[in-house]
């Protein structure tokens, strides 16, 4: 339900079903009650419910004996509808399990702060052992890299101009390689090269990934600043537009992974954007998150947490499609609203 009024309406329609699980001596709550409850809950504590909810579904994210063993993408998303005349919009930072397709945990950026302070708190919520953590340039910080390694995980971090000397050294090394080396014939111990082409919806895209495993050329001071630095990576993406012109983008990365080839690195880097396509975009299209005009700060954060729990539940729900392709999340949402037994299954009540 996308508003307090629709929550009230759903509760009235399903009051007999709710009475199976709750005592309702005064009937169903009004939309104003929902509003007051959402504003009074502590958003930090309530966001921990994502982890509890996943545990009910059989997914452990903080148990020391059950490592996640997945790629975890860390990224932020603005709750644009939460902006008011006096306050900027709330910014949520989430951890997304790329293979499982689930939000593992979430935290919020404090006022007058940014993602750099929120990411360490988010990482503390998870057992990262065996995982590969990918973060965009905002989170490319020495302390964050060290925290990931200390948790027995690996990192793949995007490097841009915010990391001045590191960025310059990486650019210089790949410029040298382009001029002096035939990367298709170099030693696999020092270099790894992979190129692939993809045609999708009439658009041709070429992706070239180069990994430099030998870092002896890099300044010792820079190498020592990044814990367990294992390689540097260049990704060149070329897209052929409708006018027959090639558009080229080049991005650089660092990683603690050692001995991992360019093909696998390309997979990690591409998979990072699943958090945008399979989480953030879905939250906006299925749940209309950016259109939710909840200005009260706690309530906006808590509703954001609820939406992520609902998305997790729908993704884990049984698929009843009779076609070859799986049911859309919209169909699952409709079935949950109409079929009480399916709703109970999704909510782990049976």
C-alpha atoms as a PDB file:
ATOM      1  CA  UNK A   1       0.000   0.000   0.000  1.00  0.00           C
ATOM      2  CA  UNK A   2       1.473   3.357  -1.082  1.00  0.00           C
ATOM      3  CA  UNK A   3      -0.190   5.675   1.476  1.00  0.00           C
ATOM      4  CA  UNK A   4      -1.649   5.679   4.977  1.00  0.00           C
ATOM      5  CA  UNK A   5      -5.164   5.987   3.527  1.00  0.00           C
ATOM      6  CA  UNK A   6      -4.668   2.816   1.451  1.00  0.00           C
ATOM      7  CA  UNK A   7      -3.265   1.017   4.501  1.00  0.00           C
ATOM      8  CA  UNK A   8      -6.446   1.852   6.395  1.00  0.00           C
ATOM      9  CA  UNK A   9      -8.587   0.708   3.467  1.00  0.00           C
ATOM     10  CA  UNK A  10      -6.737  -2.599   3.153  1.00  0.00           C
ATOM     11  CA  UNK A  11      -7.090  -3.247   6.881  1.00  0.00           C
ATOM     12  CA  UNK A  12     -10.848  -2.649   6.714  1.00  0.00           C
ATOM     13  CA  UNK A  13     -11.206  -5.004   3.747  1.00  0.00           C
ATOM     14  CA  UNK A  14      -9.094  -7.695   5.436  1.00  0.00           C
ATOM     15  CA  UNK A  15     -10.214  -7.134   9.040  1.00  0.00           C
ATOM     16  CA  UNK A  16     -11.307 -10.762   9.560  1.00  0.00           C
ATOM     17  CA  UNK A  17      -7.936 -11.968   8.304  1.00  0.00           C
ATOM     18  CA  UNK A  18      -6.076  -9.599  10.627  1.00  0.00           C
ATOM     19  CA  UNK A  19      -8.128 -10.879  13.573  1.00  0.00           C
ATOM     20  CA  UNK A  20      -6.518 -14.302  13.041  1.00  0.00           C
ATOM     21  CA  UNK A  21      -3.207 -12.761  14.126  1.00  0.00           C
ATOM     22  CA  UNK A  22      -4.045  -9.629  16.130  1.00  0.00           C
ATOM     23  CA  UNK A  23      -6.461  -8.520  18.826  1.00  0.00           C
ATOM     24  CA  UNK A  24      -8.500  -5.605  17.481  1.00  0.00           C
ATOM     25  CA  UNK A  25     -10.985  -4.580  20.202  1.00  0.00           C
ATOM     26  CA  UNK A  26     -11.504  -1.178  18.575  1.00  0.00           C
ATOM     27  CA  UNK A  27     -11.460  -2.280  14.961  1.00  0.00           C
ATOM     28  CA  UNK A  28      -8.793  -1.276  12.444  1.00  0.00           C
ATOM     29  CA  UNK A  29      -6.578   1.797  12.966  1.00  0.00           C
ATOM     30  CA  UNK A  30      -7.208   5.042  11.113  1.00  0.00           C
ATOM     31  CA  UNK A  31      -4.724   6.496   8.672  1.00  0.00           C
ATOM     32  CA  UNK A  32      -3.761   9.099  11.300  1.00  0.00           C
ATOM     33  CA  UNK A  33      -2.774   6.281  13.649  1.00  0.00           C
ATOM     34  CA  UNK A  34      -0.528   4.775  11.005  1.00  0.00           C
ATOM     35  CA  UNK A  35       1.051   8.198  10.534  1.00  0.00           C
ATOM     36  CA  UNK A  36       1.722   8.687  14.262  1.00  0.00           C
ATOM     37  CA  UNK A  37       3.166   5.177  14.649  1.00  0.00           C
ATOM     38  CA  UNK A  38       5.539   5.600  11.699  1.00  0.00           C
ATOM     39  CA  UNK A  39       6.769   8.924  13.061  1.00  0.00           C
ATOM     40  CA  UNK A  40       7.281   7.604  16.613  1.00  0.00           C
ATOM     41  CA  UNK A  41       9.367   4.521  15.675  1.00  0.00           C
ATOM     42  CA  UNK A  42      13.158   4.869  15.897  1.00  0.00           C
ATOM     43  CA  UNK A  43      14.359   4.575  12.243  1.00  0.00           C
ATOM     44  CA  UNK A  44      17.748   3.122  13.227  1.00  0.00           C
ATOM     45  CA  UNK A  45      16.204   0.336  15.282  1.00  0.00           C
ATOM     46  CA  UNK A  46      13.398  -0.256  12.802  1.00  0.00           C
ATOM     47  CA  UNK A  47      15.858  -0.639   9.911  1.00  0.00           C
ATOM     48  CA  UNK A  48      17.285  -3.640  11.782  1.00  0.00           C
ATOM     49  CA  UNK A  49      13.961  -5.346  11.055  1.00  0.00           C
ATOM     50  CA  UNK A  50      15.234  -5.970   7.514  1.00  0.00           C
ATOM     51  CA  UNK A  51      17.808  -8.364   8.966  1.00  0.00           C
ATOM     52  CA  UNK A  52      15.236 -10.016  11.264  1.00  0.00           C
ATOM     53  CA  UNK A  53      12.786 -10.390   8.390  1.00  0.00           C
ATOM     54  CA  UNK A  54      15.452 -12.017   6.194  1.00  0.00           C
ATOM     55  CA  UNK A  55      16.269 -14.435   9.001  1.00  0.00           C
ATOM     56  CA  UNK A  56      12.607 -15.514   9.084  1.00  0.00           C
ATOM     57  CA  UNK A  57      12.913 -16.195   5.352  1.00  0.00           C
ATOM     58  CA  UNK A  58      16.027 -18.311   5.986  1.00  0.00           C
ATOM     59  CA  UNK A  59      18.655 -15.739   4.938  1.00  0.00           C
ATOM     60  CA  UNK A  60      21.357 -14.994   7.534  1.00  0.00           C
ATOM     61  CA  UNK A  61      23.283 -11.753   7.119  1.00  0.00           C
ATOM     62  CA  UNK A  62      24.951 -11.233  10.522  1.00  0.00           C
ATOM     63  CA  UNK A  63      25.575 -14.753  11.860  1.00  0.00           C
ATOM     64  CA  UNK A  64      29.332 -15.266  12.254  1.00  0.00           C
ATOM     65  CA  UNK A  65      28.976 -18.927  11.270  1.00  0.00           C
ATOM     66  CA  UNK A  66      26.977 -18.254   8.097  1.00  0.00           C
ATOM     67  CA  UNK A  67      28.955 -16.001   5.715  1.00  0.00           C
ATOM     68  CA  UNK A  68      27.057 -14.184   3.001  1.00  0.00           C
ATOM     69  CA  UNK A  69      29.386 -15.528   0.277  1.00  0.00           C
ATOM     70  CA  UNK A  70      27.944 -13.203  -2.366  1.00  0.00           C
ATOM     71  CA  UNK A  71      28.750  -9.952  -4.095  1.00  0.00           C
ATOM     72  CA  UNK A  72      27.438  -7.046  -2.042  1.00  0.00           C
ATOM     73  CA  UNK A  73      26.803  -3.739  -3.800  1.00  0.00           C
ATOM     74  CA  UNK A  74      26.707  -0.633  -1.596  1.00  0.00           C
ATOM     75  CA  UNK A  75      24.906   2.394  -2.972  1.00  0.00           C
ATOM     76  CA  UNK A  76      22.760   5.307  -1.888  1.00  0.00           C
ATOM     77  CA  UNK A  77      19.316   6.462  -2.981  1.00  0.00           C
ATOM     78  CA  UNK A  78      17.545   9.742  -2.343  1.00  0.00           C
ATOM     79  CA  UNK A  79      13.985   9.628  -1.006  1.00  0.00           C
ATOM     80  CA  UNK A  80      13.047  12.625  -3.115  1.00  0.00           C
ATOM     81  CA  UNK A  81       9.496  12.968  -1.856  1.00  0.00           C
ATOM     82  CA  UNK A  82      10.766  13.571   1.688  1.00  0.00           C
ATOM     83  CA  UNK A  83      12.142  16.998   0.846  1.00  0.00           C
ATOM     84  CA  UNK A  84      10.434  19.884   2.626  1.00  0.00           C
ATOM     85  CA  UNK A  85      10.699  23.653   2.498  1.00  0.00           C
ATOM     86  CA  UNK A  86      13.228  23.660   5.334  1.00  0.00           C
ATOM     87  CA  UNK A  87      15.006  20.307   4.942  1.00  0.00           C
ATOM     88  CA  UNK A  88      16.678  18.444   2.106  1.00  0.00           C
ATOM     89  CA  UNK A  89      15.530  14.979   1.090  1.00  0.00           C
ATOM     90  CA  UNK A  90      16.575  11.929   3.101  1.00  0.00           C
ATOM     91  CA  UNK A  91      19.343   9.750   1.687  1.00  0.00           C
ATOM     92  CA  UNK A  92      19.281   5.982   2.300  1.00  0.00           C
ATOM     93  CA  UNK A  93      22.343   3.754   1.863  1.00  0.00           C
ATOM     94  CA  UNK A  94      21.674   0.063   1.224  1.00  0.00           C
ATOM     95  CA  UNK A  95      23.614  -3.190   0.957  1.00  0.00           C
ATOM     96  CA  UNK A  96      22.348  -5.321  -1.932  1.00  0.00           C
ATOM     97  CA  UNK A  97      23.148  -9.026  -2.426  1.00  0.00           C
ATOM     98  CA  UNK A  98      23.640  -9.188  -6.195  1.00  0.00           C
ATOM     99  CA  UNK A  99      23.081 -12.938  -6.623  1.00  0.00           C
ATOM    100  CA  UNK A 100      20.224 -13.296  -4.136  1.00  0.00           C
ATOM    101  CA  UNK A 101      18.596 -10.068  -5.305  1.00  0.00           C
ATOM    102  CA  UNK A 102      17.824  -8.867  -1.762  1.00  0.00           C
ATOM    103  CA  UNK A 103      18.399  -5.782   0.359  1.00  0.00           C
ATOM    104  CA  UNK A 104      20.504  -7.045   3.267  1.00  0.00           C
ATOM    105  CA  UNK A 105      20.602  -3.903   5.382  1.00  0.00           C
ATOM    106  CA  UNK A 106      19.987  -0.182   5.250  1.00  0.00           C
ATOM    107  CA  UNK A 107      21.052   2.948   7.058  1.00  0.00           C
ATOM    108  CA  UNK A 108      20.468   6.644   6.572  1.00  0.00           C
ATOM    109  CA  UNK A 109      22.844   9.527   5.953  1.00  0.00           C
ATOM    110  CA  UNK A 110      22.818  11.944   8.858  1.00  0.00           C
ATOM    111  CA  UNK A 111      21.952  15.582   8.293  1.00  0.00           C
ATOM    112  CA  UNK A 112      24.965  17.655   7.106  1.00  0.00           C
ATOM    113  CA  UNK A 113      26.847  14.428   6.333  1.00  0.00           C
ATOM    114  CA  UNK A 114      27.320  12.049   3.389  1.00  0.00           C
ATOM    115  CA  UNK A 115      27.660   8.395   2.443  1.00  0.00           C
ATOM    116  CA  UNK A 116      31.269   8.213   3.672  1.00  0.00           C
ATOM    117  CA  UNK A 117      30.082   8.215   7.283  1.00  0.00           C
ATOM    118  CA  UNK A 118      27.075   5.940   6.661  1.00  0.00           C
ATOM    119  CA  UNK A 119      28.865   3.112   4.810  1.00  0.00           C
ATOM    120  CA  UNK A 120      31.042   1.960   7.772  1.00  0.00           C
ATOM    121  CA  UNK A 121      27.933   1.703   9.960  1.00  0.00           C
ATOM    122  CA  UNK A 122      26.184  -0.318   7.261  1.00  0.00           C
ATOM    123  CA  UNK A 123      29.125  -2.712   6.898  1.00  0.00           C
ATOM    124  CA  UNK A 124      29.129  -3.346  10.656  1.00  0.00           C
ATOM    125  CA  UNK A 125      25.637  -4.845  10.376  1.00  0.00           C
ATOM    126  CA  UNK A 126      26.787  -7.654   8.085  1.00  0.00           C
ATOM    127  CA  UNK A 127      28.975 -10.729   8.248  1.00  0.00           C
ATOM    128  CA  UNK A 128      31.071  -9.964   5.165  1.00  0.00           C
ATOM    129  CA  UNK A 129      33.280 -13.047   5.309  1.00  0.00           C
ATOM    130  CA  UNK A 130      33.893 -14.376   1.800  1.00  0.00           C
ATOM    131  CA  UNK A 131      31.959 -11.569   0.085  1.00  0.00           C
ATOM    132  CA  UNK A 132      33.130  -9.170  -2.625  1.00  0.00           C
ATOM    133  CA  UNK A 133      32.012  -5.632  -1.760  1.00  0.00           C
ATOM    134  CA  UNK A 134      31.600  -3.141  -4.605  1.00  0.00           C
ATOM    135  CA  UNK A 135      31.182   0.595  -4.004  1.00  0.00           C
ATOM    136  CA  UNK A 136      31.176   3.619  -6.294  1.00  0.00           C
ATOM    137  CA  UNK A 137      33.689   6.469  -6.046  1.00  0.00           C
ATOM    138  CA  UNK A 138      32.046   8.139  -3.043  1.00  0.00           C
ATOM    139  CA  UNK A 139      32.926   5.136  -0.883  1.00  0.00           C
ATOM    140  CA  UNK A 140      36.496   4.766  -2.148  1.00  0.00           C
ATOM    141  CA  UNK A 141      38.115   5.591   1.168  1.00  0.00           C
ATOM    142  CA  UNK A 142      41.136   3.988   2.834  1.00  0.00           C
ATOM    143  CA  UNK A 143      39.266   3.364   6.086  1.00  0.00           C
ATOM    144  CA  UNK A 144      36.391   1.628   4.287  1.00  0.00           C
ATOM    145  CA  UNK A 145      38.782  -0.580   2.301  1.00  0.00           C
ATOM    146  CA  UNK A 146      40.526  -1.541   5.536  1.00  0.00           C
ATOM    147  CA  UNK A 147      37.238  -2.329   7.264  1.00  0.00           C
ATOM    148  CA  UNK A 148      36.231  -4.663   4.424  1.00  0.00           C
ATOM    149  CA  UNK A 149      39.540  -6.542   4.501  1.00  0.00           C
ATOM    150  CA  UNK A 150      39.438  -6.811   8.300  1.00  0.00           C
ATOM    151  CA  UNK A 151      36.023  -8.485   7.898  1.00  0.00           C
ATOM    152  CA  UNK A 152      37.668 -11.174   5.695  1.00  0.00           C
ATOM    153  CA  UNK A 153      36.078  -9.847   2.520  1.00  0.00           C
ATOM    154  CA  UNK A 154      37.402  -8.280  -0.690  1.00  0.00           C
ATOM    155  CA  UNK A 155      36.672  -4.925  -2.271  1.00  0.00           C
ATOM    156  CA  UNK A 156      36.283  -3.528  -5.788  1.00  0.00           C
ATOM    157  CA  UNK A 157      36.198   0.272  -5.573  1.00  0.00           C
ATOM    158  CA  UNK A 158      35.723   2.854  -8.303  1.00  0.00           C
ATOM    159  CA  UNK A 159      38.506   5.478  -8.502  1.00  0.00           C
ATOM    160  CA  UNK A 160      37.877   9.005  -9.746  1.00  0.00           C
ATOM    161  CA  UNK A 161      39.496  12.380  -9.304  1.00  0.00           C
ATOM    162  CA  UNK A 162      38.586  12.485  -5.607  1.00  0.00           C
ATOM    163  CA  UNK A 163      41.584  10.163  -5.080  1.00  0.00           C
ATOM    164  CA  UNK A 164      44.162  12.469  -6.662  1.00  0.00           C
ATOM    165  CA  UNK A 165      47.544  10.684  -6.635  1.00  0.00           C
ATOM    166  CA  UNK A 166      46.042   7.203  -6.862  1.00  0.00           C
ATOM    167  CA  UNK A 167      43.897   8.245  -9.825  1.00  0.00           C
ATOM    168  CA  UNK A 168      46.862   9.822 -11.633  1.00  0.00           C
ATOM    169  CA  UNK A 169      49.119   6.808 -11.126  1.00  0.00           C
ATOM    170  CA  UNK A 170      46.511   4.415 -12.484  1.00  0.00           C
ATOM    171  CA  UNK A 171      45.898   6.582 -15.555  1.00  0.00           C
ATOM    172  CA  UNK A 172      49.642   6.836 -16.237  1.00  0.00           C
ATOM    173  CA  UNK A 173      50.102   3.068 -15.973  1.00  0.00           C
ATOM    174  CA  UNK A 174      47.311   2.237 -18.402  1.00  0.00           C
ATOM    175  CA  UNK A 175      48.493   4.949 -20.815  1.00  0.00           C
ATOM    176  CA  UNK A 176      51.915   3.277 -20.770  1.00  0.00           C
ATOM    177  CA  UNK A 177      50.345  -0.143 -21.345  1.00  0.00           C
ATOM    178  CA  UNK A 178      48.349   1.135 -24.304  1.00  0.00           C
ATOM    179  CA  UNK A 179      51.485   2.525 -25.955  1.00  0.00           C
ATOM    180  CA  UNK A 180      54.036  -0.172 -25.124  1.00  0.00           C
ATOM    181  CA  UNK A 181      52.282  -3.509 -24.690  1.00  0.00           C
ATOM    182  CA  UNK A 182      50.285  -5.956 -26.747  1.00  0.00           C
ATOM    183  CA  UNK A 183      47.875  -6.948 -23.979  1.00  0.00           C
ATOM    184  CA  UNK A 184      46.677 -10.017 -25.869  1.00  0.00           C
ATOM    185  CA  UNK A 185      50.197 -11.499 -25.590  1.00  0.00           C
ATOM    186  CA  UNK A 186      51.351 -10.361 -22.138  1.00  0.00           C
ATOM    187  CA  UNK A 187      51.963 -12.655 -19.164  1.00  0.00           C
ATOM    188  CA  UNK A 188      48.768 -13.694 -17.406  1.00  0.00           C
ATOM    189  CA  UNK A 189      50.599 -13.238 -14.092  1.00  0.00           C
ATOM    190  CA  UNK A 190      50.950  -9.489 -14.706  1.00  0.00           C
ATOM    191  CA  UNK A 191      48.069  -8.569 -17.005  1.00  0.00           C
ATOM    192  CA  UNK A 192      44.627  -9.833 -17.843  1.00  0.00           C
ATOM    193  CA  UNK A 193      42.525  -8.684 -20.786  1.00  0.00           C
ATOM    194  CA  UNK A 194      38.914  -9.359 -21.777  1.00  0.00           C
ATOM    195  CA  UNK A 195      36.636  -7.858 -24.403  1.00  0.00           C
ATOM    196  CA  UNK A 196      33.013  -8.603 -25.179  1.00  0.00           C
ATOM    197  CA  UNK A 197      30.325  -7.205 -27.424  1.00  0.00           C
ATOM    198  CA  UNK A 198      26.608  -7.067 -26.795  1.00  0.00           C
ATOM    199  CA  UNK A 199      23.766  -6.013 -29.034  1.00  0.00           C
ATOM    200  CA  UNK A 200      20.628  -5.063 -27.178  1.00  0.00           C
ATOM    201  CA  UNK A 201      17.570  -3.292 -28.575  1.00  0.00           C
ATOM    202  CA  UNK A 202      19.464  -2.298 -31.685  1.00  0.00           C
ATOM    203  CA  UNK A 203      22.370  -0.796 -29.724  1.00  0.00           C
ATOM    204  CA  UNK A 204      25.882  -2.209 -30.041  1.00  0.00           C
ATOM    205  CA  UNK A 205      28.070  -2.023 -26.954  1.00  0.00           C
ATOM    206  CA  UNK A 206      31.711  -3.059 -26.566  1.00  0.00           C
ATOM    207  CA  UNK A 207      33.258  -3.536 -23.136  1.00  0.00           C
ATOM    208  CA  UNK A 208      36.998  -3.892 -22.692  1.00  0.00           C
ATOM    209  CA  UNK A 209      38.468  -4.739 -19.283  1.00  0.00           C
ATOM    210  CA  UNK A 210      42.186  -4.682 -18.453  1.00  0.00           C
ATOM    211  CA  UNK A 211      43.540  -5.805 -15.088  1.00  0.00           C
ATOM    212  CA  UNK A 212      47.087  -5.056 -13.959  1.00  0.00           C
ATOM    213  CA  UNK A 213      48.127  -7.575 -11.289  1.00  0.00           C
ATOM    214  CA  UNK A 214      51.747  -6.395 -10.884  1.00  0.00           C
ATOM    215  CA  UNK A 215      51.872  -3.204  -8.804  1.00  0.00           C
ATOM    216  CA  UNK A 216      55.642  -2.819  -8.413  1.00  0.00           C
ATOM    217  CA  UNK A 217      55.476   0.366 -10.495  1.00  0.00           C
ATOM    218  CA  UNK A 218      53.150   2.083  -8.039  1.00  0.00           C
ATOM    219  CA  UNK A 219      54.431   4.409  -5.347  1.00  0.00           C
ATOM    220  CA  UNK A 220      54.995   2.448  -2.131  1.00  0.00           C
ATOM    221  CA  UNK A 221      53.273   5.166  -0.140  1.00  0.00           C
ATOM    222  CA  UNK A 222      50.110   4.860  -2.231  1.00  0.00           C
ATOM    223  CA  UNK A 223      50.173   1.043  -2.153  1.00  0.00           C
ATOM    224  CA  UNK A 224      50.540   0.983   1.629  1.00  0.00           C
ATOM    225  CA  UNK A 225      47.587   3.355   2.037  1.00  0.00           C
ATOM    226  CA  UNK A 226      45.147   0.788   0.607  1.00  0.00           C
ATOM    227  CA  UNK A 227      45.034  -2.379   2.650  1.00  0.00           C
ATOM    228  CA  UNK A 228      45.757  -5.571   0.690  1.00  0.00           C
ATOM    229  CA  UNK A 229      45.674  -3.761  -2.647  1.00  0.00           C
ATOM    230  CA  UNK A 230      45.933  -6.523  -5.243  1.00  0.00           C
ATOM    231  CA  UNK A 231      45.303  -4.992  -8.674  1.00  0.00           C
ATOM    232  CA  UNK A 232      44.091  -1.993 -10.643  1.00  0.00           C
ATOM    233  CA  UNK A 233      41.470  -2.168 -13.374  1.00  0.00           C
ATOM    234  CA  UNK A 234      40.479  -0.207 -16.467  1.00  0.00           C
ATOM    235  CA  UNK A 235      37.044  -0.586 -18.040  1.00  0.00           C
ATOM    236  CA  UNK A 236      36.405   1.020 -21.414  1.00  0.00           C
ATOM    237  CA  UNK A 237      32.828   1.068 -22.607  1.00  0.00           C
ATOM    238  CA  UNK A 238      31.973   1.995 -26.186  1.00  0.00           C
ATOM    239  CA  UNK A 239      28.408   2.455 -27.403  1.00  0.00           C
ATOM    240  CA  UNK A 240      27.394   2.895 -31.047  1.00  0.00           C
ATOM    241  CA  UNK A 241      24.594   5.465 -31.228  1.00  0.00           C
ATOM    242  CA  UNK A 242      21.851   5.770 -33.833  1.00  0.00           C
ATOM    243  CA  UNK A 243      23.940   8.165 -35.911  1.00  0.00           C
ATOM    244  CA  UNK A 244      26.787   5.692 -36.252  1.00  0.00           C
ATOM    245  CA  UNK A 245      29.056   7.509 -33.778  1.00  0.00           C
ATOM    246  CA  UNK A 246      30.943   5.744 -30.991  1.00  0.00           C
ATOM    247  CA  UNK A 247      30.578   7.133 -27.472  1.00  0.00           C
ATOM    248  CA  UNK A 248      33.428   6.098 -25.161  1.00  0.00           C
ATOM    249  CA  UNK A 249      33.602   6.028 -21.363  1.00  0.00           C
ATOM    250  CA  UNK A 250      36.606   4.965 -19.297  1.00  0.00           C
ATOM    251  CA  UNK A 251      36.476   4.060 -15.599  1.00  0.00           C
ATOM    252  CA  UNK A 252      39.183   2.924 -13.191  1.00  0.00           C
ATOM    253  CA  UNK A 253      38.983   0.617 -10.177  1.00  0.00           C
ATOM    254  CA  UNK A 254      41.143  -0.850  -7.436  1.00  0.00           C
ATOM    255  CA  UNK A 255      40.631  -4.240  -5.813  1.00  0.00           C
ATOM    256  CA  UNK A 256      42.023  -6.458  -3.076  1.00  0.00           C
ATOM    257  CA  UNK A 257      41.345  -9.521  -5.237  1.00  0.00           C
ATOM    258  CA  UNK A 258      44.480 -11.320  -6.379  1.00  0.00           C
ATOM    259  CA  UNK A 259      44.737 -13.620  -9.388  1.00  0.00           C
ATOM    260  CA  UNK A 260      41.219 -12.822 -10.607  1.00  0.00           C
ATOM    261  CA  UNK A 261      41.040 -12.391 -14.379  1.00  0.00           C
ATOM    262  CA  UNK A 262      39.532  -9.560 -16.386  1.00  0.00           C
ATOM    263  CA  UNK A 263      36.426 -11.540 -17.341  1.00  0.00           C
ATOM    264  CA  UNK A 264      35.441 -12.095 -13.718  1.00  0.00           C
ATOM    265  CA  UNK A 265      36.322  -8.514 -12.808  1.00  0.00           C
ATOM    266  CA  UNK A 266      34.049  -7.284 -15.565  1.00  0.00           C
ATOM    267  CA  UNK A 267      31.263  -9.392 -14.088  1.00  0.00           C
ATOM    268  CA  UNK A 268      31.738  -7.870 -10.617  1.00  0.00           C
ATOM    269  CA  UNK A 269      31.749  -4.332 -11.996  1.00  0.00           C
ATOM    270  CA  UNK A 270      28.655  -4.851 -14.149  1.00  0.00           C
ATOM    271  CA  UNK A 271      26.807  -6.703 -11.390  1.00  0.00           C
ATOM    272  CA  UNK A 272      27.253  -3.721  -9.081  1.00  0.00           C
ATOM    273  CA  UNK A 273      24.584  -1.865 -11.034  1.00  0.00           C
ATOM    274  CA  UNK A 274      21.982  -4.482 -10.192  1.00  0.00           C
ATOM    275  CA  UNK A 275      21.283  -2.405  -7.110  1.00  0.00           C
ATOM    276  CA  UNK A 276      20.159   0.402  -9.426  1.00  0.00           C
ATOM    277  CA  UNK A 277      18.184  -1.733 -11.873  1.00  0.00           C
ATOM    278  CA  UNK A 278      16.722  -4.384  -9.565  1.00  0.00           C
ATOM    279  CA  UNK A 279      16.265  -2.341  -6.394  1.00  0.00           C
ATOM    280  CA  UNK A 280      16.205   1.438  -6.781  1.00  0.00           C
ATOM    281  CA  UNK A 281      14.361   1.455 -10.098  1.00  0.00           C
ATOM    282  CA  UNK A 282      11.823  -1.093  -8.813  1.00  0.00           C
ATOM    283  CA  UNK A 283      11.226   0.921  -5.642  1.00  0.00           C
ATOM    284  CA  UNK A 284      10.325   3.910  -7.805  1.00  0.00           C
ATOM    285  CA  UNK A 285       8.187   2.056 -10.352  1.00  0.00           C
ATOM    286  CA  UNK A 286       6.454  -0.563  -8.181  1.00  0.00           C
ATOM    287  CA  UNK A 287       6.171   1.357  -4.894  1.00  0.00           C
ATOM    288  CA  UNK A 288       6.397   4.947  -6.248  1.00  0.00           C
ATOM    289  CA  UNK A 289       9.019   5.797  -3.631  1.00  0.00           C
ATOM    290  CA  UNK A 290      10.101   9.120  -5.137  1.00  0.00           C
ATOM    291  CA  UNK A 291       6.461  10.221  -5.337  1.00  0.00           C
ATOM    292  CA  UNK A 292       5.742   9.544  -1.648  1.00  0.00           C
ATOM    293  CA  UNK A 293       5.318  12.995  -0.094  1.00  0.00           C
ATOM    294  CA  UNK A 294       5.968  12.061   3.537  1.00  0.00           C
ATOM    295  CA  UNK A 295       7.765  15.082   4.980  1.00  0.00           C
ATOM    296  CA  UNK A 296       8.117  13.871   8.579  1.00  0.00           C
ATOM    297  CA  UNK A 297      11.651  12.577   8.892  1.00  0.00           C
ATOM    298  CA  UNK A 298      11.189   9.428  10.967  1.00  0.00           C
ATOM    299  CA  UNK A 299       8.096   8.386   9.050  1.00  0.00           C
ATOM    300  CA  UNK A 300       9.794   8.794   5.654  1.00  0.00           C
ATOM    301  CA  UNK A 301      12.737   6.655   6.792  1.00  0.00           C
ATOM    302  CA  UNK A 302      10.518   3.947   8.296  1.00  0.00           C
ATOM    303  CA  UNK A 303       8.348   3.769   5.184  1.00  0.00           C
ATOM    304  CA  UNK A 304      11.558   3.380   3.151  1.00  0.00           C
ATOM    305  CA  UNK A 305      12.500   0.412   5.335  1.00  0.00           C
ATOM    306  CA  UNK A 306       9.030  -1.116   4.907  1.00  0.00           C
ATOM    307  CA  UNK A 307       9.260  -0.842   1.130  1.00  0.00           C
ATOM    308  CA  UNK A 308      12.575  -2.697   1.100  1.00  0.00           C
ATOM    309  CA  UNK A 309      11.160  -5.429   3.311  1.00  0.00           C
ATOM    310  CA  UNK A 310       8.155  -5.719   0.996  1.00  0.00           C
ATOM    311  CA  UNK A 311      10.433  -5.934  -2.045  1.00  0.00           C
ATOM    312  CA  UNK A 312      12.495  -8.673  -0.374  1.00  0.00           C
ATOM    313  CA  UNK A 313       9.321 -10.582   0.454  1.00  0.00           C
ATOM    314  CA  UNK A 314       8.014 -10.383  -3.111  1.00  0.00           C
ATOM    315  CA  UNK A 315      11.335 -11.493  -4.573  1.00  0.00           C
ATOM    316  CA  UNK A 316      11.443 -14.534  -2.273  1.00  0.00           C
ATOM    317  CA  UNK A 317       7.755 -15.385  -2.805  1.00  0.00           C
ATOM    318  CA  UNK A 318       6.716 -18.556  -4.615  1.00  0.00           C
ATOM    319  CA  UNK A 319       6.222 -18.075  -8.341  1.00  0.00           C
ATOM    320  CA  UNK A 320       2.860 -19.401  -9.594  1.00  0.00           C
ATOM    321  CA  UNK A 321       3.373 -18.440 -13.222  1.00  0.00           C
ATOM    322  CA  UNK A 322       2.084 -20.978 -15.746  1.00  0.00           C
ATOM    323  CA  UNK A 323       4.260 -19.478 -18.457  1.00  0.00           C
ATOM    324  CA  UNK A 324       7.936 -20.083 -19.139  1.00  0.00           C
ATOM    325  CA  UNK A 325       8.931 -16.668 -17.829  1.00  0.00           C
ATOM    326  CA  UNK A 326       8.518 -15.945 -14.094  1.00  0.00           C
ATOM    327  CA  UNK A 327       5.738 -13.814 -12.678  1.00  0.00           C
ATOM    328  CA  UNK A 328       6.361 -10.088 -12.461  1.00  0.00           C
ATOM    329  CA  UNK A 329       6.506  -8.460  -9.041  1.00  0.00           C
ATOM    330  CA  UNK A 330       3.263  -6.663  -9.912  1.00  0.00           C
ATOM    331  CA  UNK A 331       1.506 -10.032 -10.364  1.00  0.00           C
ATOM    332  CA  UNK A 332       2.893 -11.287  -7.071  1.00  0.00           C
ATOM    333  CA  UNK A 333       1.672  -8.102  -5.417  1.00  0.00           C
ATOM    334  CA  UNK A 334      -1.827  -8.642  -6.843  1.00  0.00           C
ATOM    335  CA  UNK A 335      -1.908 -12.276  -5.731  1.00  0.00           C
ATOM    336  CA  UNK A 336      -0.804 -11.293  -2.224  1.00  0.00           C
ATOM    337  CA  UNK A 337      -3.659  -8.765  -2.020  1.00  0.00           C
ATOM    338  CA  UNK A 338      -6.278 -11.301  -3.185  1.00  0.00           C
ATOM    339  CA  UNK A 339      -5.054 -14.665  -1.874  1.00  0.00           C
ATOM    340  CA  UNK A 340      -4.817 -14.839   1.926  1.00  0.00           C
ATOM    341  CA  UNK A 341      -2.883 -18.108   1.966  1.00  0.00           C
ATOM    342  CA  UNK A 342      -0.298 -16.627  -0.413  1.00  0.00           C
ATOM    343  CA  UNK A 343      -0.048 -13.530   1.783  1.00  0.00           C
ATOM    344  CA  UNK A 344       0.560 -15.708   4.853  1.00  0.00           C
ATOM    345  CA  UNK A 345       3.283 -17.580   2.998  1.00  0.00           C
ATOM    346  CA  UNK A 346       5.026 -14.339   1.938  1.00  0.00           C
ATOM    347  CA  UNK A 347       4.905 -12.983   5.498  1.00  0.00           C
ATOM    348  CA  UNK A 348       6.341 -16.256   6.910  1.00  0.00           C
ATOM    349  CA  UNK A 349       3.209 -16.755   9.013  1.00  0.00           C
ATOM    350  CA  UNK A 350       2.875 -20.411   7.944  1.00  0.00           C
END
